[in-house]
Amino acid sequence: ILPAAKYRLATKIEGRGVHSFCMCPGGF
């Protein structure tokens, strides 16, 4: 019943964002 899992990660380091983008579970 569960689809391929996704995630979203984000933080800020010295005034600049660091983050996941356009996460593609079960992808290419």
PDB file of all heavy atoms in Angstrom:
ATOM      1  N   ILE A   1       0.808  -1.215   0.000  1.00  0.00           N
ATOM      2  CA  ILE A   1       0.000   0.000   0.000  1.00  0.00           C
ATOM      3  C   ILE A   1       0.846   1.272   0.000  1.00  0.00           C
ATOM      4  O   ILE A   1       0.356   2.346  -0.345  1.00  0.00           O
ATOM      5  CB  ILE A   1      -0.952  -0.013   1.219  1.00  0.00           C
ATOM      6  CG1 ILE A   1      -2.077   1.004   1.011  1.00  0.00           C
ATOM      7  CG2 ILE A   1      -0.225   0.264   2.513  1.00  0.00           C
ATOM      8  CD1 ILE A   1      -3.168   0.892   2.044  1.00  0.00           C
ATOM      9  N   LEU A   2       2.115   1.144   0.346  1.00  0.00           N
ATOM     10  CA  LEU A   2       2.971   2.332   0.435  1.00  0.00           C
ATOM     11  C   LEU A   2       3.713   2.560  -0.876  1.00  0.00           C
ATOM     12  O   LEU A   2       4.290   1.636  -1.440  1.00  0.00           O
ATOM     13  CB  LEU A   2       3.985   2.177   1.574  1.00  0.00           C
ATOM     14  CG  LEU A   2       3.420   2.200   2.989  1.00  0.00           C
ATOM     15  CD1 LEU A   2       4.536   1.948   4.001  1.00  0.00           C
ATOM     16  CD2 LEU A   2       2.727   3.520   3.282  1.00  0.00           C
ATOM     17  N   PRO A   3       3.729   3.803  -1.348  1.00  0.00           N
ATOM     18  CA  PRO A   3       4.502   4.111  -2.555  1.00  0.00           C
ATOM     19  C   PRO A   3       5.984   4.221  -2.227  1.00  0.00           C
ATOM     20  O   PRO A   3       6.375   4.251  -1.053  1.00  0.00           O
ATOM     21  CB  PRO A   3       3.941   5.473  -2.972  1.00  0.00           C
ATOM     22  CG  PRO A   3       3.562   6.122  -1.661  1.00  0.00           C
ATOM     23  CD  PRO A   3       3.052   4.991  -0.796  1.00  0.00           C
ATOM     24  N   ALA A   4       6.805   4.295  -3.247  1.00  0.00           N
ATOM     25  CA  ALA A   4       8.226   4.565  -3.033  1.00  0.00           C
ATOM     26  C   ALA A   4       8.358   5.833  -2.196  1.00  0.00           C
ATOM     27  O   ALA A   4       7.723   6.850  -2.485  1.00  0.00           O
ATOM     28  CB  ALA A   4       8.931   4.735  -4.376  1.00  0.00           C
ATOM     29  N   ALA A   5       9.156   5.745  -1.148  1.00  0.00           N
ATOM     30  CA  ALA A   5       9.230   6.838  -0.168  1.00  0.00           C
ATOM     31  C   ALA A   5       9.992   8.032  -0.723  1.00  0.00           C
ATOM     32  O   ALA A   5      10.926   7.897  -1.514  1.00  0.00           O
ATOM     33  CB  ALA A   5       9.889   6.346   1.119  1.00  0.00           C
ATOM     34  N   LYS A   6       9.589   9.205  -0.269  1.00  0.00           N
ATOM     35  CA  LYS A   6      10.270  10.440  -0.638  1.00  0.00           C
ATOM     36  C   LYS A   6      10.812  11.099   0.622  1.00  0.00           C
ATOM     37  O   LYS A   6      10.521  10.672   1.749  1.00  0.00           O
ATOM     38  CB  LYS A   6       9.314  11.386  -1.375  1.00  0.00           C
ATOM     39  CG  LYS A   6       8.059  11.750  -0.582  1.00  0.00           C
ATOM     40  CD  LYS A   6       7.236  12.788  -1.301  1.00  0.00           C
ATOM     41  CE  LYS A   6       6.506  12.224  -2.492  1.00  0.00           C
ATOM     42  NZ  LYS A   6       5.363  11.371  -2.148  1.00  0.00           N
ATOM     43  N   TYR A   7      11.575  12.161   0.445  1.00  0.00           N
ATOM     44  CA  TYR A   7      12.057  12.928   1.590  1.00  0.00           C
ATOM     45  C   TYR A   7      12.237  14.382   1.176  1.00  0.00           C
ATOM     46  O   TYR A   7      12.295  14.718  -0.016  1.00  0.00           O
ATOM     47  CB  TYR A   7      13.373  12.361   2.141  1.00  0.00           C
ATOM     48  CG  TYR A   7      14.538  12.380   1.173  1.00  0.00           C
ATOM     49  CD1 TYR A   7      15.308  13.526   0.985  1.00  0.00           C
ATOM     50  CD2 TYR A   7      14.885  11.237   0.440  1.00  0.00           C
ATOM     51  CE1 TYR A   7      16.377  13.542   0.100  1.00  0.00           C
ATOM     52  CE2 TYR A   7      15.945  11.242  -0.447  1.00  0.00           C
ATOM     53  CZ  TYR A   7      16.696  12.394  -0.614  1.00  0.00           C
ATOM     54  OH  TYR A   7      17.749  12.414  -1.490  1.00  0.00           O
ATOM     55  N   ARG A   8      12.336  15.236   2.171  1.00  0.00           N
ATOM     56  CA  ARG A   8      12.624  16.651   1.954  1.00  0.00           C
ATOM     57  C   ARG A   8      13.553  17.101   3.066  1.00  0.00           C
ATOM     58  O   ARG A   8      13.252  16.915   4.248  1.00  0.00           O
ATOM     59  CB  ARG A   8      11.343  17.478   1.961  1.00  0.00           C
ATOM     60  CG  ARG A   8      11.566  18.956   1.681  1.00  0.00           C
ATOM     61  CD  ARG A   8      10.244  19.704   1.555  1.00  0.00           C
ATOM     62  NE  ARG A   8      10.474  21.123   1.306  1.00  0.00           N
ATOM     63  CZ  ARG A   8      10.609  22.046   2.263  1.00  0.00           C
ATOM     64  NH1 ARG A   8      10.519  21.687   3.539  1.00  0.00           N
ATOM     65  NH2 ARG A   8      10.815  23.310   1.958  1.00  0.00           N
ATOM     66  N   LEU A   9      14.689  17.661   2.693  1.00  0.00           N
ATOM     67  CA  LEU A   9      15.694  18.083   3.662  1.00  0.00           C
ATOM     68  C   LEU A   9      16.068  19.535   3.402  1.00  0.00           C
ATOM     69  O   LEU A   9      16.197  19.958   2.245  1.00  0.00           O
ATOM     70  CB  LEU A   9      16.944  17.206   3.541  1.00  0.00           C
ATOM     71  CG  LEU A   9      16.754  15.718   3.841  1.00  0.00           C
ATOM     72  CD1 LEU A   9      17.967  14.920   3.375  1.00  0.00           C
ATOM     73  CD2 LEU A   9      16.496  15.495   5.321  1.00  0.00           C
ATOM     74  N   ALA A  10      16.249  20.290   4.455  1.00  0.00           N
ATOM     75  CA  ALA A  10      16.612  21.703   4.283  1.00  0.00           C
ATOM     76  C   ALA A  10      17.292  22.218   5.539  1.00  0.00           C
ATOM     77  O   ALA A  10      16.945  21.838   6.658  1.00  0.00           O
ATOM     78  CB  ALA A  10      15.370  22.539   3.979  1.00  0.00           C
ATOM     79  N   THR A  11      18.276  23.083   5.333  1.00  0.00           N
ATOM     80  CA  THR A  11      18.937  23.773   6.435  1.00  0.00           C
ATOM     81  C   THR A  11      19.487  25.083   5.898  1.00  0.00           C
ATOM     82  O   THR A  11      19.415  25.357   4.693  1.00  0.00           O
ATOM     83  CB  THR A  11      20.063  22.903   7.038  1.00  0.00           C
ATOM     84  OG1 THR A  11      20.542  23.521   8.223  1.00  0.00           O
ATOM     85  CG2 THR A  11      21.222  22.716   6.056  1.00  0.00           C
ATOM     86  N   LYS A  12      20.027  25.894   6.785  1.00  0.00           N
ATOM     87  CA  LYS A  12      20.654  27.155   6.375  1.00  0.00           C
ATOM     88  C   LYS A  12      22.033  27.215   7.000  1.00  0.00           C
ATOM     89  O   LYS A  12      22.191  26.968   8.199  1.00  0.00           O
ATOM     90  CB  LYS A  12      19.813  28.345   6.816  1.00  0.00           C
ATOM     91  CG  LYS A  12      20.090  29.605   6.023  1.00  0.00           C
ATOM     92  CD  LYS A  12      18.945  30.600   6.134  1.00  0.00           C
ATOM     93  CE  LYS A  12      19.099  31.714   5.108  1.00  0.00           C
ATOM     94  NZ  LYS A  12      17.960  32.646   5.125  1.00  0.00           N
ATOM     95  N   ILE A  13      23.025  27.532   6.181  1.00  0.00           N
ATOM     96  CA  ILE A  13      24.414  27.572   6.645  1.00  0.00           C
ATOM     97  C   ILE A  13      25.026  28.900   6.219  1.00  0.00           C
ATOM     98  O   ILE A  13      25.198  29.166   5.024  1.00  0.00           O
ATOM     99  CB  ILE A  13      25.219  26.386   6.088  1.00  0.00           C
ATOM    100  CG1 ILE A  13      24.621  25.061   6.602  1.00  0.00           C
ATOM    101  CG2 ILE A  13      26.689  26.497   6.484  1.00  0.00           C
ATOM    102  CD1 ILE A  13      25.232  23.819   5.985  1.00  0.00           C
ATOM    103  N   GLU A  14      25.291  29.732   7.211  1.00  0.00           N
ATOM    104  CA  GLU A  14      25.906  31.047   6.987  1.00  0.00           C
ATOM    105  C   GLU A  14      25.248  31.812   5.851  1.00  0.00           C
ATOM    106  O   GLU A  14      25.886  32.220   4.880  1.00  0.00           O
ATOM    107  CB  GLU A  14      27.417  30.912   6.768  1.00  0.00           C
ATOM    108  CG  GLU A  14      28.153  30.548   8.053  1.00  0.00           C
ATOM    109  CD  GLU A  14      29.634  30.892   8.003  1.00  0.00           C
ATOM    110  OE1 GLU A  14      30.046  31.721   7.169  1.00  0.00           O
ATOM    111  OE2 GLU A  14      30.372  30.318   8.808  1.00  0.00           O
ATOM    112  N   GLY A  15      23.935  31.988   5.998  1.00  0.00           N
ATOM    113  CA  GLY A  15      23.199  32.835   5.083  1.00  0.00           C
ATOM    114  C   GLY A  15      22.801  32.226   3.764  1.00  0.00           C
ATOM    115  O   GLY A  15      22.238  32.922   2.907  1.00  0.00           O
ATOM    116  N   ARG A  16      23.067  30.944   3.563  1.00  0.00           N
ATOM    117  CA  ARG A  16      22.708  30.284   2.306  1.00  0.00           C
ATOM    118  C   ARG A  16      21.942  29.002   2.607  1.00  0.00           C
ATOM    119  O   ARG A  16      22.341  28.205   3.464  1.00  0.00           O
ATOM    120  CB  ARG A  16      23.954  29.940   1.473  1.00  0.00           C
ATOM    121  CG  ARG A  16      24.813  31.134   1.069  1.00  0.00           C
ATOM    122  CD  ARG A  16      24.145  31.989   0.003  1.00  0.00           C
ATOM    123  NE  ARG A  16      25.015  33.058  -0.457  1.00  0.00           N
ATOM    124  CZ  ARG A  16      25.075  34.269   0.104  1.00  0.00           C
ATOM    125  NH1 ARG A  16      24.332  34.545   1.161  1.00  0.00           N
ATOM    126  NH2 ARG A  16      25.872  35.199  -0.400  1.00  0.00           N
ATOM    127  N   GLY A  17      20.872  28.778   1.867  1.00  0.00           N
ATOM    128  CA  GLY A  17      20.108  27.555   2.028  1.00  0.00           C
ATOM    129  C   GLY A  17      20.832  26.358   1.432  1.00  0.00           C
ATOM    130  O   GLY A  17      21.514  26.476   0.408  1.00  0.00           O
ATOM    131  N   VAL A  18      20.698  25.216   2.080  1.00  0.00           N
ATOM    132  CA  VAL A  18      21.162  23.932   1.551  1.00  0.00           C
ATOM    133  C   VAL A  18      19.948  23.006   1.636  1.00  0.00           C
ATOM    134  O   VAL A  18      19.400  22.802   2.725  1.00  0.00           O
ATOM    135  CB  VAL A  18      22.337  23.353   2.367  1.00  0.00           C
ATOM    136  CG1 VAL A  18      22.806  22.036   1.762  1.00  0.00           C
ATOM    137  CG2 VAL A  18      23.483  24.359   2.459  1.00  0.00           C
ATOM    138  N   HIS A  19      19.529  22.451   0.511  1.00  0.00           N
ATOM    139  CA  HIS A  19      18.272  21.707   0.553  1.00  0.00           C
ATOM    140  C   HIS A  19      18.164  20.693  -0.573  1.00  0.00           C
ATOM    141  O   HIS A  19      18.850  20.800  -1.603  1.00  0.00           O
ATOM    142  CB  HIS A  19      17.076  22.669   0.494  1.00  0.00           C
ATOM    143  CG  HIS A  19      17.039  23.535  -0.741  1.00  0.00           C
ATOM    144  ND1 HIS A  19      16.349  23.173  -1.883  1.00  0.00           N
ATOM    145  CD2 HIS A  19      17.601  24.738  -1.015  1.00  0.00           C
ATOM    146  CE1 HIS A  19      16.489  24.116  -2.802  1.00  0.00           C
ATOM    147  NE2 HIS A  19      17.242  25.076  -2.298  1.00  0.00           N
ATOM    148  N   SER A  20      17.288  19.724  -0.347  1.00  0.00           N
ATOM    149  CA  SER A  20      16.948  18.788  -1.413  1.00  0.00           C
ATOM    150  C   SER A  20      16.021  19.507  -2.391  1.00  0.00           C
ATOM    151  O   SER A  20      15.374  20.499  -2.049  1.00  0.00           O
ATOM    152  CB  SER A  20      16.273  17.540  -0.847  1.00  0.00           C
ATOM    153  OG  SER A  20      15.110  17.892  -0.110  1.00  0.00           O
ATOM    154  N   PHE A  21      15.962  18.987  -3.626  1.00  0.00           N
ATOM    155  CA  PHE A  21      15.171  19.651  -4.654  1.00  0.00           C
ATOM    156  C   PHE A  21      14.652  18.609  -5.633  1.00  0.00           C
ATOM    157  O   PHE A  21      15.406  17.766  -6.114  1.00  0.00           O
ATOM    158  CB  PHE A  21      16.043  20.683  -5.392  1.00  0.00           C
ATOM    159  CG  PHE A  21      15.403  21.259  -6.627  1.00  0.00           C
ATOM    160  CD1 PHE A  21      14.447  22.262  -6.528  1.00  0.00           C
ATOM    161  CD2 PHE A  21      15.738  20.790  -7.886  1.00  0.00           C
ATOM    162  CE1 PHE A  21      13.845  22.782  -7.664  1.00  0.00           C
ATOM    163  CE2 PHE A  21      15.141  21.303  -9.032  1.00  0.00           C
ATOM    164  CZ  PHE A  21      14.199  22.305  -8.909  1.00  0.00           C
ATOM    165  N   CYS A  22      13.361  18.661  -5.914  1.00  0.00           N
ATOM    166  CA  CYS A  22      12.760  17.806  -6.948  1.00  0.00           C
ATOM    167  C   CYS A  22      13.133  16.336  -6.713  1.00  0.00           C
ATOM    168  O   CYS A  22      13.716  15.676  -7.574  1.00  0.00           O
ATOM    169  CB  CYS A  22      13.200  18.256  -8.339  1.00  0.00           C
ATOM    170  SG  CYS A  22      12.359  17.422  -9.706  1.00  0.00           S
ATOM    171  N   MET A  23      12.782  15.831  -5.524  1.00  0.00           N
ATOM    172  CA  MET A  23      13.121  14.458  -5.171  1.00  0.00           C
ATOM    173  C   MET A  23      12.286  13.489  -5.992  1.00  0.00           C
ATOM    174  O   MET A  23      11.072  13.642  -6.125  1.00  0.00           O
ATOM    175  CB  MET A  23      12.862  14.264  -3.667  1.00  0.00           C
ATOM    176  CG  MET A  23      13.492  13.023  -3.077  1.00  0.00           C
ATOM    177  SD  MET A  23      12.402  11.619  -3.159  1.00  0.00           S
ATOM    178  CE  MET A  23      13.536  10.262  -3.020  1.00  0.00           C
ATOM    179  N   CYS A  24      12.945  12.494  -6.583  1.00  0.00           N
ATOM    180  CA  CYS A  24      12.292  11.545  -7.488  1.00  0.00           C
ATOM    181  C   CYS A  24      12.387  10.126  -6.931  1.00  0.00           C
ATOM    182  O   CYS A  24      13.376   9.411  -7.179  1.00  0.00           O
ATOM    183  CB  CYS A  24      12.936  11.596  -8.871  1.00  0.00           C
ATOM    184  SG  CYS A  24      12.780  13.187  -9.688  1.00  0.00           S
ATOM    185  N   PRO A  25      11.397   9.685  -6.168  1.00  0.00           N
ATOM    186  CA  PRO A  25      11.420   8.302  -5.674  1.00  0.00           C
ATOM    187  C   PRO A  25      11.212   7.321  -6.819  1.00  0.00           C
ATOM    188  O   PRO A  25      10.444   7.581  -7.749  1.00  0.00           O
ATOM    189  CB  PRO A  25      10.243   8.269  -4.696  1.00  0.00           C
ATOM    190  CG  PRO A  25       9.333   9.359  -5.139  1.00  0.00           C
ATOM    191  CD  PRO A  25      10.190  10.414  -5.752  1.00  0.00           C
ATOM    192  N   GLY A  26      11.908   6.195  -6.758  1.00  0.00           N
ATOM    193  CA  GLY A  26      11.776   5.191  -7.812  1.00  0.00           C
ATOM    194  C   GLY A  26      12.025   5.781  -9.179  1.00  0.00           C
ATOM    195  O   GLY A  26      11.329   5.467 -10.143  1.00  0.00           O
ATOM    196  N   GLY A  27      13.054   6.629  -9.280  1.00  0.00           N
ATOM    197  CA  GLY A  27      13.245   7.402 -10.501  1.00  0.00           C
ATOM    198  C   GLY A  27      14.579   7.185 -11.191  1.00  0.00           C
ATOM    199  O   GLY A  27      15.322   6.239 -10.900  1.00  0.00           O
ATOM    200  N   PHE A  28      14.869   8.099 -12.088  1.00  0.00           N
ATOM    201  CA  PHE A  28      16.077   8.053 -12.922  1.00  0.00           C
ATOM    202  C   PHE A  28      16.712   9.440 -12.950  1.00  0.00           C
ATOM    203  O   PHE A  28      16.015  10.450 -12.850  1.00  0.00           O
ATOM    204  CB  PHE A  28      15.737   7.652 -14.364  1.00  0.00           C
ATOM    205  CG  PHE A  28      14.992   6.357 -14.490  1.00  0.00           C
ATOM    206  CD1 PHE A  28      13.607   6.321 -14.382  1.00  0.00           C
ATOM    207  CD2 PHE A  28      15.670   5.167 -14.712  1.00  0.00           C
ATOM    208  CE1 PHE A  28      12.909   5.133 -14.494  1.00  0.00           C
ATOM    209  CE2 PHE A  28      14.977   3.969 -14.829  1.00  0.00           C
ATOM    210  CZ  PHE A  28      13.597   3.944 -14.713  1.00  0.00           C
TER     211      PHE A  28
END
